[in-house]
C-alpha atoms as a PDB file:
ATOM      1  CA  MET A   1      16.042 -26.057   1.522  1.00  0.00           C
ATOM      2  CA  PHE A   2      13.288 -23.280   1.602  1.00  0.00           C
ATOM      3  CA  LEU A   3      12.599 -22.678  -1.855  1.00  0.00           C
ATOM      4  CA  LYS A   4      10.582 -24.865  -3.787  1.00  0.00           C
ATOM      5  CA  LEU A   5      11.558 -25.984  -7.257  1.00  0.00           C
ATOM      6  CA  LEU A   6       9.183 -25.004 -10.186  1.00  0.00           C
ATOM      7  CA  ASN A   7      10.461 -26.573 -13.068  1.00  0.00           C
ATOM      8  CA  TYR A   8      13.709 -26.847 -15.175  1.00  0.00           C
ATOM      9  CA  CYS A   9      14.675 -24.363 -17.952  1.00  0.00           C
ATOM     10  CA  ILE A  10      16.616 -25.532 -20.887  1.00  0.00           C
ATOM     11  CA  LEU A  11      19.402 -23.347 -22.080  1.00  0.00           C
ATOM     12  CA  LYS A  12      21.154 -23.891 -25.490  1.00  0.00           C
ATOM     13  CA  HIS A  13      24.834 -22.984 -25.444  1.00  0.00           C
ATOM     14  CA  SER A  14      27.164 -24.174 -27.932  1.00  0.00           C
ATOM     15  CA  LYS A  15      26.824 -27.758 -28.501  1.00  0.00           C
ATOM     16  CA  TYR A  16      25.434 -28.569 -25.128  1.00  0.00           C
ATOM     17  CA  ILE A  17      22.197 -28.349 -23.384  1.00  0.00           C
ATOM     18  CA  ILE A  18      22.266 -26.634 -20.077  1.00  0.00           C
ATOM     19  CA  LYS A  19      19.835 -27.368 -17.374  1.00  0.00           C
ATOM     20  CA  LYS A  20      19.159 -24.617 -15.039  1.00  0.00           C
ATOM     21  CA  GLU A  21      16.861 -25.098 -12.045  1.00  0.00           C
ATOM     22  CA  VAL A  22      14.410 -22.412 -11.463  1.00  0.00           C
ATOM     23  CA  PHE A  23      12.793 -21.829  -7.932  1.00  0.00           C
ATOM     24  CA  VAL A  24       9.904 -19.886  -6.641  1.00  0.00           C
ATOM     25  CA  TYR A  25       9.449 -18.238  -3.858  1.00  0.00           C
ATOM     26  CA  ILE A  26       6.102 -17.540  -3.409  1.00  0.00           C
ATOM     27  CA  ASN A  27       3.842 -19.489  -6.174  1.00  0.00           C
ATOM     28  CA  PHE A  28       1.363 -16.948  -8.224  1.00  0.00           C
ATOM     29  CA  ASP A  29      -1.418 -18.288  -6.961  1.00  0.00           C
ATOM     30  CA  GLU A  30      -0.676 -17.250  -3.315  1.00  0.00           C
ATOM     31  CA  PHE A  31       0.634 -13.798  -4.727  1.00  0.00           C
ATOM     32  CA  SER A  32      -2.670 -13.413  -6.422  1.00  0.00           C
ATOM     33  CA  ASN A  33      -4.662 -14.369  -3.710  1.00  0.00           C
ATOM     34  CA  LEU A  34      -2.653 -11.848  -1.260  1.00  0.00           C
ATOM     35  CA  LEU A  35      -3.117  -8.959  -3.999  1.00  0.00           C
ATOM     36  CA  LYS A  36      -6.627  -9.269  -4.019  1.00  0.00           C
ATOM     37  CA  GLU A  37      -7.307  -9.467  -0.568  1.00  0.00           C
ATOM     38  CA  ASN A  38      -5.259  -6.102  -0.253  1.00  0.00           C
ATOM     39  CA  ILE A  39      -6.576  -4.177  -2.713  1.00  0.00           C
ATOM     40  CA  THR A  40      -9.929  -4.676  -2.351  1.00  0.00           C
ATOM     41  CA  LEU A  41     -12.435  -2.768  -0.402  1.00  0.00           C
ATOM     42  CA  ASN A  42     -13.617  -4.242   2.502  1.00  0.00           C
ATOM     43  CA  GLU A  43     -16.302  -3.174   5.390  1.00  0.00           C
ATOM     44  CA  ASP A  44     -14.052  -0.498   7.071  1.00  0.00           C
ATOM     45  CA  ASP A  45     -13.067   0.794   3.743  1.00  0.00           C
ATOM     46  CA  CYS A  46     -16.367   1.631   2.646  1.00  0.00           C
ATOM     47  CA  PHE A  47     -17.206   2.902   6.060  1.00  0.00           C
ATOM     48  CA  LYS A  48     -14.769   5.345   5.708  1.00  0.00           C
ATOM     49  CA  ILE A  49     -15.782   6.660   1.890  1.00  0.00           C
ATOM     50  CA  LEU A  50     -19.354   6.888   3.082  1.00  0.00           C
ATOM     51  CA  ASN A  51     -18.383   9.237   6.228  1.00  0.00           C
ATOM     52  CA  LYS A  52     -16.342  11.444   3.697  1.00  0.00           C
ATOM     53  CA  ILE A  53     -18.933  11.598   1.133  1.00  0.00           C
ATOM     54  CA  ILE A  54     -21.312  12.699   4.084  1.00  0.00           C
ATOM     55  CA  ASN A  55     -19.081  15.064   5.351  1.00  0.00           C
ATOM     56  CA  ASN A  56     -18.221  16.587   1.961  1.00  0.00           C
ATOM     57  CA  PRO A  57     -21.452  16.449  -0.207  1.00  0.00           C
ATOM     58  CA  ASN A  58     -20.505  19.567  -1.974  1.00  0.00           C
ATOM     59  CA  ARG A  59     -17.476  17.754  -3.435  1.00  0.00           C
ATOM     60  CA  TYR A  60     -19.822  15.355  -5.178  1.00  0.00           C
ATOM     61  CA  VAL A  61     -22.761  17.285  -6.199  1.00  0.00           C
ATOM     62  CA  GLY A  62     -21.868  20.862  -5.936  1.00  0.00           C
ATOM     63  CA  VAL A  63     -22.720  23.212  -8.879  1.00  0.00           C
ATOM     64  CA  PHE A  64     -19.003  23.880  -9.129  1.00  0.00           C
ATOM     65  CA  ARG A  65     -18.110  20.191  -9.686  1.00  0.00           C
ATOM     66  CA  ILE A  66     -17.835  19.607 -13.538  1.00  0.00           C
ATOM     67  CA  THR A  67     -17.435  15.915 -12.843  1.00  0.00           C
ATOM     68  CA  GLY A  68     -20.311  13.564 -12.049  1.00  0.00           C
ATOM     69  CA  ALA A  69     -20.861  12.294  -8.128  1.00  0.00           C
ATOM     70  CA  LYS A  70     -19.508   8.969  -9.168  1.00  0.00           C
ATOM     71  CA  ALA A  71     -16.917  10.055 -10.969  1.00  0.00           C
ATOM     72  CA  LYS A  72     -15.436  11.934  -8.001  1.00  0.00           C
ATOM     73  CA  LEU A  73     -15.991   8.845  -5.940  1.00  0.00           C
ATOM     74  CA  MET A  74     -14.059   6.644  -8.660  1.00  0.00           C
ATOM     75  CA  GLN A  75     -11.200   9.110  -8.018  1.00  0.00           C
ATOM     76  CA  ASN A  76     -11.505   8.572  -4.200  1.00  0.00           C
ATOM     77  CA  ILE A  77     -11.388   4.696  -4.885  1.00  0.00           C
ATOM     78  CA  SER A  78      -8.234   5.100  -7.022  1.00  0.00           C
ATOM     79  CA  GLN A  79      -6.531   7.051  -4.430  1.00  0.00           C
ATOM     80  CA  SER A  80      -7.606   4.214  -1.827  1.00  0.00           C
ATOM     81  CA  ASN A  81      -6.326   1.341  -4.005  1.00  0.00           C
ATOM     82  CA  GLU A  82      -2.612   3.347  -4.450  1.00  0.00           C
ATOM     83  CA  ILE A  83      -2.557   3.032  -0.692  1.00  0.00           C
ATOM     84  CA  MET A  84      -4.028  -0.131  -0.315  1.00  0.00           C
ATOM     85  CA  PHE A  85      -1.408  -1.284  -3.027  1.00  0.00           C
ATOM     86  CA  GLY A  86       1.476   0.369  -1.421  1.00  0.00           C
ATOM     87  CA  ASN A  87       0.333  -1.763   1.701  1.00  0.00           C
ATOM     88  CA  PHE A  88       0.433  -4.846  -0.374  1.00  0.00           C
ATOM     89  CA  LEU A  89       3.863  -4.202  -1.437  1.00  0.00           C
ATOM     90  CA  GLU A  90       5.266  -3.859   2.062  1.00  0.00           C
ATOM     91  CA  LYS A  91       3.634  -7.197   3.150  1.00  0.00           C
ATOM     92  CA  ILE A  92       4.967  -8.981  -0.029  1.00  0.00           C
ATOM     93  CA  ILE A  93       8.311  -7.615   0.192  1.00  0.00           C
ATOM     94  CA  ASN A  94       8.532  -8.458   3.932  1.00  0.00           C
ATOM     95  CA  LYS A  95       7.181 -12.038   3.290  1.00  0.00           C
ATOM     96  CA  TYR A  96      10.338 -12.450   0.720  1.00  0.00           C
ATOM     97  CA  LEU A  97      12.793 -11.080   3.094  1.00  0.00           C
ATOM     98  CA  LYS A  98      11.095 -13.802   5.831  1.00  0.00           C
ATOM     99  CA  ILE A  99      11.805 -16.543   3.151  1.00  0.00           C
ATOM    100  CA  THR A 100      15.077 -15.952   2.794  1.00  0.00           C
ATOM    101  CA  GLY A 101      16.178 -15.862   6.180  1.00  0.00           C
ATOM    102  CA  TYR A 102      15.363 -12.281   7.232  1.00  0.00           C
ATOM    103  CA  VAL A 103      13.879 -12.110  11.070  1.00  0.00           C
ATOM    104  CA  ASN A 104      11.472  -9.284  11.345  1.00  0.00           C
ATOM    105  CA  LEU A 105      11.836  -6.945  14.653  1.00  0.00           C
ATOM    106  CA  ASN A 106       9.393  -4.572  16.142  1.00  0.00           C
ATOM    107  CA  ASN A 107       8.757  -2.125  13.404  1.00  0.00           C
ATOM    108  CA  GLU A 108       6.976   0.456  15.792  1.00  0.00           C
ATOM    109  CA  ILE A 109       9.499   2.661  17.853  1.00  0.00           C
ATOM    110  CA  GLN A 110       8.858   5.252  20.355  1.00  0.00           C
ATOM    111  CA  THR A 111      10.840   8.283  20.947  1.00  0.00           C
ATOM    112  CA  ASN A 112       9.732  11.291  22.815  1.00  0.00           C
ATOM    113  CA  GLY A 113       6.219  10.012  23.165  1.00  0.00           C
ATOM    114  CA  GLU A 114       6.215   9.811  19.145  1.00  0.00           C
ATOM    115  CA  ILE A 115       5.643   6.630  17.997  1.00  0.00           C
ATOM    116  CA  LEU A 116       7.416   6.020  14.626  1.00  0.00           C
ATOM    117  CA  LYS A 117       6.414   3.374  12.160  1.00  0.00           C
ATOM    118  CA  ILE A 118       9.223   1.583  10.027  1.00  0.00           C
ATOM    119  CA  ASP A 119       8.440  -0.085   6.480  1.00  0.00           C
ATOM    120  CA  GLN A 120      11.075  -2.818   7.045  1.00  0.00           C
ATOM    121  CA  LEU A 121      13.130  -3.750  10.307  1.00  0.00           C
ATOM    122  CA  VAL A 122      14.793  -6.715   9.780  1.00  0.00           C
ATOM    123  CA  LYS A 123      17.645  -8.658  10.930  1.00  0.00           C
ATOM    124  CA  LYS A 124      20.110 -11.172   9.953  1.00  0.00           C
ATOM    125  CA  ASP A 125      23.125 -12.032  12.017  1.00  0.00           C
ATOM    126  CA  ASN A 126      25.023  -8.799  13.409  1.00  0.00           C
ATOM    127  CA  ASP A 127      23.082  -6.753  10.881  1.00  0.00           C
ATOM    128  CA  ILE A 128      20.059  -4.697  11.130  1.00  0.00           C
ATOM    129  CA  PHE A 129      18.437  -3.148   7.895  1.00  0.00           C
ATOM    130  CA  ILE A 130      15.880  -0.208   8.426  1.00  0.00           C
ATOM    131  CA  ILE A 131      14.117   0.193   5.042  1.00  0.00           C
ATOM    132  CA  GLU A 132      12.198   2.984   4.406  1.00  0.00           C
ATOM    133  CA  GLN A 133       9.886   1.859   1.048  1.00  0.00           C
ATOM    134  CA  LYS A 134       7.829   4.137  -0.787  1.00  0.00           C
ATOM    135  CA  VAL A 135       6.366   3.085  -4.177  1.00  0.00           C
ATOM    136  CA  ARG A 136       7.622   5.858  -6.253  1.00  0.00           C
ATOM    137  CA  ASP A 137       9.801   9.190  -6.261  1.00  0.00           C
ATOM    138  CA  ASP A 138       7.391  11.111  -7.758  1.00  0.00           C
ATOM    139  CA  HIS A 139       6.402  13.353  -4.601  1.00  0.00           C
ATOM    140  CA  ASP A 140       6.329  17.454  -4.653  1.00  0.00           C
ATOM    141  CA  SER A 141       9.815  18.880  -4.391  1.00  0.00           C
ATOM    142  CA  THR A 142       8.588  20.195  -1.264  1.00  0.00           C
ATOM    143  CA  LYS A 143       7.928  17.070   0.783  1.00  0.00           C
ATOM    144  CA  LYS A 144      11.549  15.749  -0.079  1.00  0.00           C
ATOM    145  CA  ARG A 145      13.558  17.351   3.081  1.00  0.00           C
ATOM    146  CA  GLY A 146      10.811  16.156   5.206  1.00  0.00           C
ATOM    147  CA  GLN A 147      11.451  12.489   3.517  1.00  0.00           C
ATOM    148  CA  ILE A 148      15.049  12.226   4.085  1.00  0.00           C
ATOM    149  CA  ASP A 149      14.528  14.008   7.879  1.00  0.00           C
ATOM    150  CA  ASN A 150      11.945  11.331   8.993  1.00  0.00           C
ATOM    151  CA  PHE A 151      14.288   8.520   7.429  1.00  0.00           C
ATOM    152  CA  LEU A 152      17.051   9.970   9.302  1.00  0.00           C
ATOM    153  CA  LYS A 153      15.439  10.188  12.519  1.00  0.00           C
ATOM    154  CA  LYS A 154      14.155   6.833  12.289  1.00  0.00           C
ATOM    155  CA  TYR A 155      17.916   5.429  11.494  1.00  0.00           C
ATOM    156  CA  ASN A 156      19.318   7.381  14.558  1.00  0.00           C
ATOM    157  CA  HIS A 157      16.542   6.117  16.909  1.00  0.00           C
ATOM    158  CA  VAL A 158      17.282   2.527  15.560  1.00  0.00           C
ATOM    159  CA  LYS A 159      21.008   2.737  16.319  1.00  0.00           C
ATOM    160  CA  THR A 160      20.493   3.778  19.710  1.00  0.00           C
ATOM    161  CA  ILE A 161      18.096   0.523  20.437  1.00  0.00           C
ATOM    162  CA  TYR A 162      20.484  -2.078  19.077  1.00  0.00           C
ATOM    163  CA  PRO A 163      23.983  -0.293  19.856  1.00  0.00           C
ATOM    164  CA  ILE A 164      25.988  -3.472  19.418  1.00  0.00           C
ATOM    165  CA  ASN A 165      24.269  -4.082  15.919  1.00  0.00           C
ATOM    166  CA  ASN A 166      25.361  -2.699  12.423  1.00  0.00           C
ATOM    167  CA  ILE A 167      22.498  -0.817  11.324  1.00  0.00           C
ATOM    168  CA  VAL A 168      22.121  -0.428   7.539  1.00  0.00           C
ATOM    169  CA  GLY A 169      19.739   2.487   6.398  1.00  0.00           C
ATOM    170  CA  ILE A 170      17.898   1.982   3.055  1.00  0.00           C
ATOM    171  CA  MET A 171      15.403   4.217   1.333  1.00  0.00           C
ATOM    172  CA  TRP A 172      14.274   2.276  -1.327  1.00  0.00           C
ATOM    173  CA  PHE A 173      11.603   3.436  -3.906  1.00  0.00           C
ATOM    174  CA  VAL A 174      10.254   0.469  -6.064  1.00  0.00           C
ATOM    175  CA  ASP A 175       9.164   1.787  -9.172  1.00  0.00           C
ATOM    176  CA  ASP A 176      12.518   2.555 -10.619  1.00  0.00           C
ATOM    177  CA  SER A 177      11.219   4.903 -13.684  1.00  0.00           C
ATOM    178  CA  PHE A 178      10.056   7.685 -11.274  1.00  0.00           C
ATOM    179  CA  LYS A 179      13.276   9.300 -10.287  1.00  0.00           C
ATOM    180  CA  LYS A 180      12.005  12.960  -9.133  1.00  0.00           C
ATOM    181  CA  ASN A 181      14.392  13.657  -6.424  1.00  0.00           C
ATOM    182  CA  LYS A 182      17.509  11.407  -6.792  1.00  0.00           C
ATOM    183  CA  GLY A 183      19.581  14.070  -7.001  1.00  0.00           C
ATOM    184  CA  PHE A 184      18.449  15.590  -3.719  1.00  0.00           C
ATOM    185  CA  TYR A 185      18.221  12.219  -1.947  1.00  0.00           C
ATOM    186  CA  HIS A 186      21.869  11.158  -3.523  1.00  0.00           C
ATOM    187  CA  ASN A 187      23.642  14.555  -2.263  1.00  0.00           C
ATOM    188  CA  GLU A 188      22.101  13.979   0.832  1.00  0.00           C
ATOM    189  CA  ILE A 189      22.673  10.546   1.796  1.00  0.00           C
ATOM    190  CA  SER A 190      25.941  10.850   0.490  1.00  0.00           C
ATOM    191  CA  ASN A 191      26.915  13.892   3.177  1.00  0.00           C
ATOM    192  CA  LEU A 192      25.168  11.870   5.782  1.00  0.00           C
ATOM    193  CA  ASN A 193      27.749   8.844   5.157  1.00  0.00           C
ATOM    194  CA  LYS A 194      30.810  11.027   5.792  1.00  0.00           C
ATOM    195  CA  TYR A 195      29.511  11.207   9.678  1.00  0.00           C
ATOM    196  CA  ASP A 196      30.083   7.279  10.377  1.00  0.00           C
ATOM    197  CA  ARG A 197      26.589   6.362   8.967  1.00  0.00           C
ATOM    198  CA  ASN A 198      25.556   3.616   6.376  1.00  0.00           C
ATOM    199  CA  LEU A 199      22.931   4.584   4.470  1.00  0.00           C
ATOM    200  CA  HIS A 200      21.797   3.887   0.714  1.00  0.00           C
ATOM    201  CA  LEU A 201      19.418   5.163  -2.034  1.00  0.00           C
ATOM    202  CA  PHE A 202      17.941   2.348  -3.938  1.00  0.00           C
ATOM    203  CA  TYR A 203      15.583   2.258  -7.079  1.00  0.00           C
ATOM    204  CA  GLY A 204      13.937  -1.150  -8.104  1.00  0.00           C
ATOM    205  CA  LYS A 205      15.999  -4.062  -8.343  1.00  0.00           C
ATOM    206  CA  GLU A 206      18.739  -2.296  -6.737  1.00  0.00           C
ATOM    207  CA  LEU A 207      17.722  -3.828  -3.314  1.00  0.00           C
ATOM    208  CA  PHE A 208      17.715  -7.026  -4.174  1.00  0.00           C
ATOM    209  CA  ASP A 209      20.922  -6.572  -6.032  1.00  0.00           C
ATOM    210  CA  PHE A 210      22.133  -5.242  -2.566  1.00  0.00           C
ATOM    211  CA  PHE A 211      21.087  -8.147  -0.952  1.00  0.00           C
ATOM    212  CA  GLU A 212      22.224 -10.458  -3.433  1.00  0.00           C
ATOM    213  CA  LEU A 213      18.873 -11.710  -4.123  1.00  0.00           C
ATOM    214  CA  PRO A 214      17.889 -10.942  -7.888  1.00  0.00           C
ATOM    215  CA  HIS A 215      15.577 -13.513  -8.560  1.00  0.00           C
ATOM    216  CA  ILE A 216      13.382 -12.274  -6.267  1.00  0.00           C
ATOM    217  CA  TRP A 217      12.615  -8.634  -8.081  1.00  0.00           C
ATOM    218  CA  ASP A 218      12.484 -10.952 -11.283  1.00  0.00           C
ATOM    219  CA  GLU A 219       9.859 -12.893  -9.958  1.00  0.00           C
ATOM    220  CA  LEU A 220       7.544  -9.894  -8.287  1.00  0.00           C
ATOM    221  CA  ILE A 221       7.897  -8.138 -11.971  1.00  0.00           C
ATOM    222  CA  GLU A 222       6.726 -11.908 -13.457  1.00  0.00           C
ATOM    223  CA  HIS A 223       3.946 -11.844 -10.801  1.00  0.00           C
ATOM    224  CA  LEU A 224       2.390  -8.442 -11.539  1.00  0.00           C
ATOM    225  CA  GLU A 225       2.406  -8.781 -15.252  1.00  0.00           C
ATOM    226  CA  ASN A 226       0.760 -12.323 -15.212  1.00  0.00           C
ATOM    227  CA  PHE A 227      -1.625 -10.519 -12.519  1.00  0.00           C
ATOM    228  CA  GLU A 228      -2.512  -7.777 -14.848  1.00  0.00           C
ATOM    229  CA  LYS A 229      -2.571 -10.245 -18.053  1.00  0.00           C
ATOM    230  CA  GLN A 230      -5.217 -12.499 -15.901  1.00  0.00           C
ATOM    231  CA  ASN A 231      -7.159  -9.821 -14.340  1.00  0.00           C
ATOM    232  CA  GLU A 232      -7.824  -7.100 -16.805  1.00  0.00           C
ATOM    233  CA  ASP A 233     -11.482  -7.248 -15.957  1.00  0.00           C
ATOM    234  CA  TYR A 234     -11.028  -7.539 -12.132  1.00  0.00           C
ATOM    235  CA  SER A 235     -13.428  -4.861 -10.356  1.00  0.00           C
ATOM    236  CA  TYR A 236     -11.761  -2.775  -7.987  1.00  0.00           C
ATOM    237  CA  ASP A 237     -14.222  -0.323  -7.557  1.00  0.00           C
ATOM    238  CA  MET A 238     -17.442  -0.229  -4.920  1.00  0.00           C
ATOM    239  CA  GLN A 239     -20.345  -1.932  -6.109  1.00  0.00           C
ATOM    240  CA  ASP A 240     -23.778  -0.148  -6.721  1.00  0.00           C
ATOM    241  CA  PHE A 241     -24.202   1.465  -3.159  1.00  0.00           C
ATOM    242  CA  GLU A 242     -27.565   0.079  -3.301  1.00  0.00           C
ATOM    243  CA  LEU A 243     -26.793  -3.581  -3.861  1.00  0.00           C
ATOM    244  CA  SER A 244     -23.483  -3.538  -1.648  1.00  0.00           C
ATOM    245  CA  PRO A 245     -23.667  -5.462   1.465  1.00  0.00           C
ATOM    246  CA  ASN A 246     -20.640  -3.575   2.931  1.00  0.00           C
ATOM    247  CA  ILE A 247     -22.409  -0.130   2.218  1.00  0.00           C
ATOM    248  CA  LEU A 248     -25.848  -1.103   3.994  1.00  0.00           C
ATOM    249  CA  SER A 249     -23.775  -2.496   6.796  1.00  0.00           C
ATOM    250  CA  SER A 250     -21.632   0.879   7.039  1.00  0.00           C
ATOM    251  CA  LEU A 251     -24.900   2.710   6.646  1.00  0.00           C
ATOM    252  CA  ILE A 252     -26.627   0.931   9.949  1.00  0.00           C
ATOM    253  CA  LYS A 253     -23.345   1.503  11.607  1.00  0.00           C
ATOM    254  CA  LEU A 254     -23.396   5.452  10.814  1.00  0.00           C
ATOM    255  CA  PRO A 255     -23.215   7.349  14.224  1.00  0.00           C
ATOM    256  CA  LEU A 256     -26.928   9.383  14.432  1.00  0.00           C
ATOM    257  CA  ARG A 257     -25.446  12.937  13.533  1.00  0.00           C
ATOM    258  CA  GLN A 258     -24.141  11.264  10.421  1.00  0.00           C
ATOM    259  CA  TRP A 259     -27.330   9.420   9.481  1.00  0.00           C
ATOM    260  CA  SER A 260     -29.440  12.610  10.304  1.00  0.00           C
ATOM    261  CA  LYS A 261     -27.305  14.570   7.718  1.00  0.00           C
ATOM    262  CA  LEU A 262     -27.658  11.841   5.120  1.00  0.00           C
ATOM    263  CA  THR A 263     -31.310  11.560   5.556  1.00  0.00           C
ATOM    264  CA  SER A 264     -31.762  15.263   5.724  1.00  0.00           C
ATOM    265  CA  ASP A 265     -33.977  17.571   3.983  1.00  0.00           C
ATOM    266  CA  LYS A 266     -30.835  19.914   3.056  1.00  0.00           C
ATOM    267  CA  ALA A 267     -30.916  20.452  -0.921  1.00  0.00           C
ATOM    268  CA  GLU A 268     -27.354  18.621  -1.175  1.00  0.00           C
ATOM    269  CA  TYR A 269     -27.935  15.977   0.745  1.00  0.00           C
ATOM    270  CA  ILE A 270     -31.299  15.305  -1.671  1.00  0.00           C
ATOM    271  CA  LYS A 271     -29.122  15.566  -4.316  1.00  0.00           C
ATOM    272  CA  LEU A 272     -26.922  13.079  -3.159  1.00  0.00           C
ATOM    273  CA  ARG A 273     -29.186  10.436  -2.054  1.00  0.00           C
ATOM    274  CA  SER A 274     -30.458  10.538  -5.692  1.00  0.00           C
ATOM    275  CA  LYS A 275     -26.960   9.891  -7.085  1.00  0.00           C
ATOM    276  CA  PHE A 276     -25.695   7.502  -4.968  1.00  0.00           C
ATOM    277  CA  PHE A 277     -29.310   5.785  -3.601  1.00  0.00           C
ATOM    278  CA  PRO A 278     -31.892   6.880  -6.251  1.00  0.00           C
ATOM    279  CA  LYS A 279     -33.987   4.055  -5.408  1.00  0.00           C
ATOM    280  CA  GLY A 280     -33.952   4.576  -1.529  1.00  0.00           C
ATOM    281  CA  ASN A 281     -33.918   0.735  -1.187  1.00  0.00           C
ATOM    282  CA  ALA A 282     -30.326   0.577   1.104  1.00  0.00           C
ATOM    283  CA  ILE A 283     -31.655   3.669   2.911  1.00  0.00           C
ATOM    284  CA  GLN A 284     -34.839   2.131   4.013  1.00  0.00           C
ATOM    285  CA  LYS A 285     -33.152  -1.269   4.805  1.00  0.00           C
ATOM    286  CA  ALA A 286     -30.812   0.483   6.953  1.00  0.00           C
ATOM    287  CA  LEU A 287     -33.471   2.648   8.706  1.00  0.00           C
ATOM    288  CA  ASP A 288     -35.602  -0.674   9.431  1.00  0.00           C
ATOM    289  CA  GLU A 289     -32.179  -2.016  10.643  1.00  0.00           C
ATOM    290  CA  ARG A 290     -31.222   0.999  13.097  1.00  0.00           C
ATOM    291  CA  LYS A 291     -34.932   0.809  14.461  1.00  0.00           C
ATOM    292  CA  LYS A 292     -34.662  -2.850  15.335  1.00  0.00           C
ATOM    293  CA  LEU A 293     -31.242  -1.763  17.149  1.00  0.00           C
ATOM    294  CA  GLY A 294     -32.654   1.343  18.553  1.00  0.00           C
ATOM    295  CA  LYS A 295     -31.018   3.894  16.866  1.00  0.00           C
END
């Protein structure tokens, strides 16, 4: 049996004691480590953020920027964390599907020179499931047509690749507390299903009810709640620029053009350095290393 026995729950029913086996698919430690790994800024993330700052100094220190430079930086990091959390959810859902017997198929398909990436493309028996996974349905209504068209394009192309399989298309929004465009998506999918298509719209637990795996959703929610409780002080933000090894490494890796901008005498870059590198230690260390490397 692929599931690991965790413990027994004792349930009282009338005069009897009923023992119910409780299983875990992914234990909390593994879940927590994978989540931290995916939401912590790494060297590549820091390099991208540093370049963004250099390319747009006035977004951080401009006279019409009412918030401070570090507040703007935290906004960037927050947006980055949202993206990374979405990527984590794709990975963890894929892991759950694999554990329960679904087989991964190549989720990058090419059509007319365009590469389409599918969030989840899995197979079980003769059924192939294409899942377009979004964290929440809260995007601007002007984007909803593009969302459904993109989903349908992927679905139709998968049907051409696997003509003998039953292709099931699912648009799934993980957070069921956001349903801004549900009416639109429901109507579109209902109309499309009139033309020999097998499409579904799900929010939250509905996906796992469809797969007859409701306990996965319960475990996912429990793990996320426990993570929040145990990591209230977990730092998602970037370290002090002067002390961060990732920032130092990024400074050393900067192309000459970017380095020249950052260290120039232009007013916006002088102000930028005063906000993010007030002591100048990281800049000096990077300069020394760049000289050694002949940069």
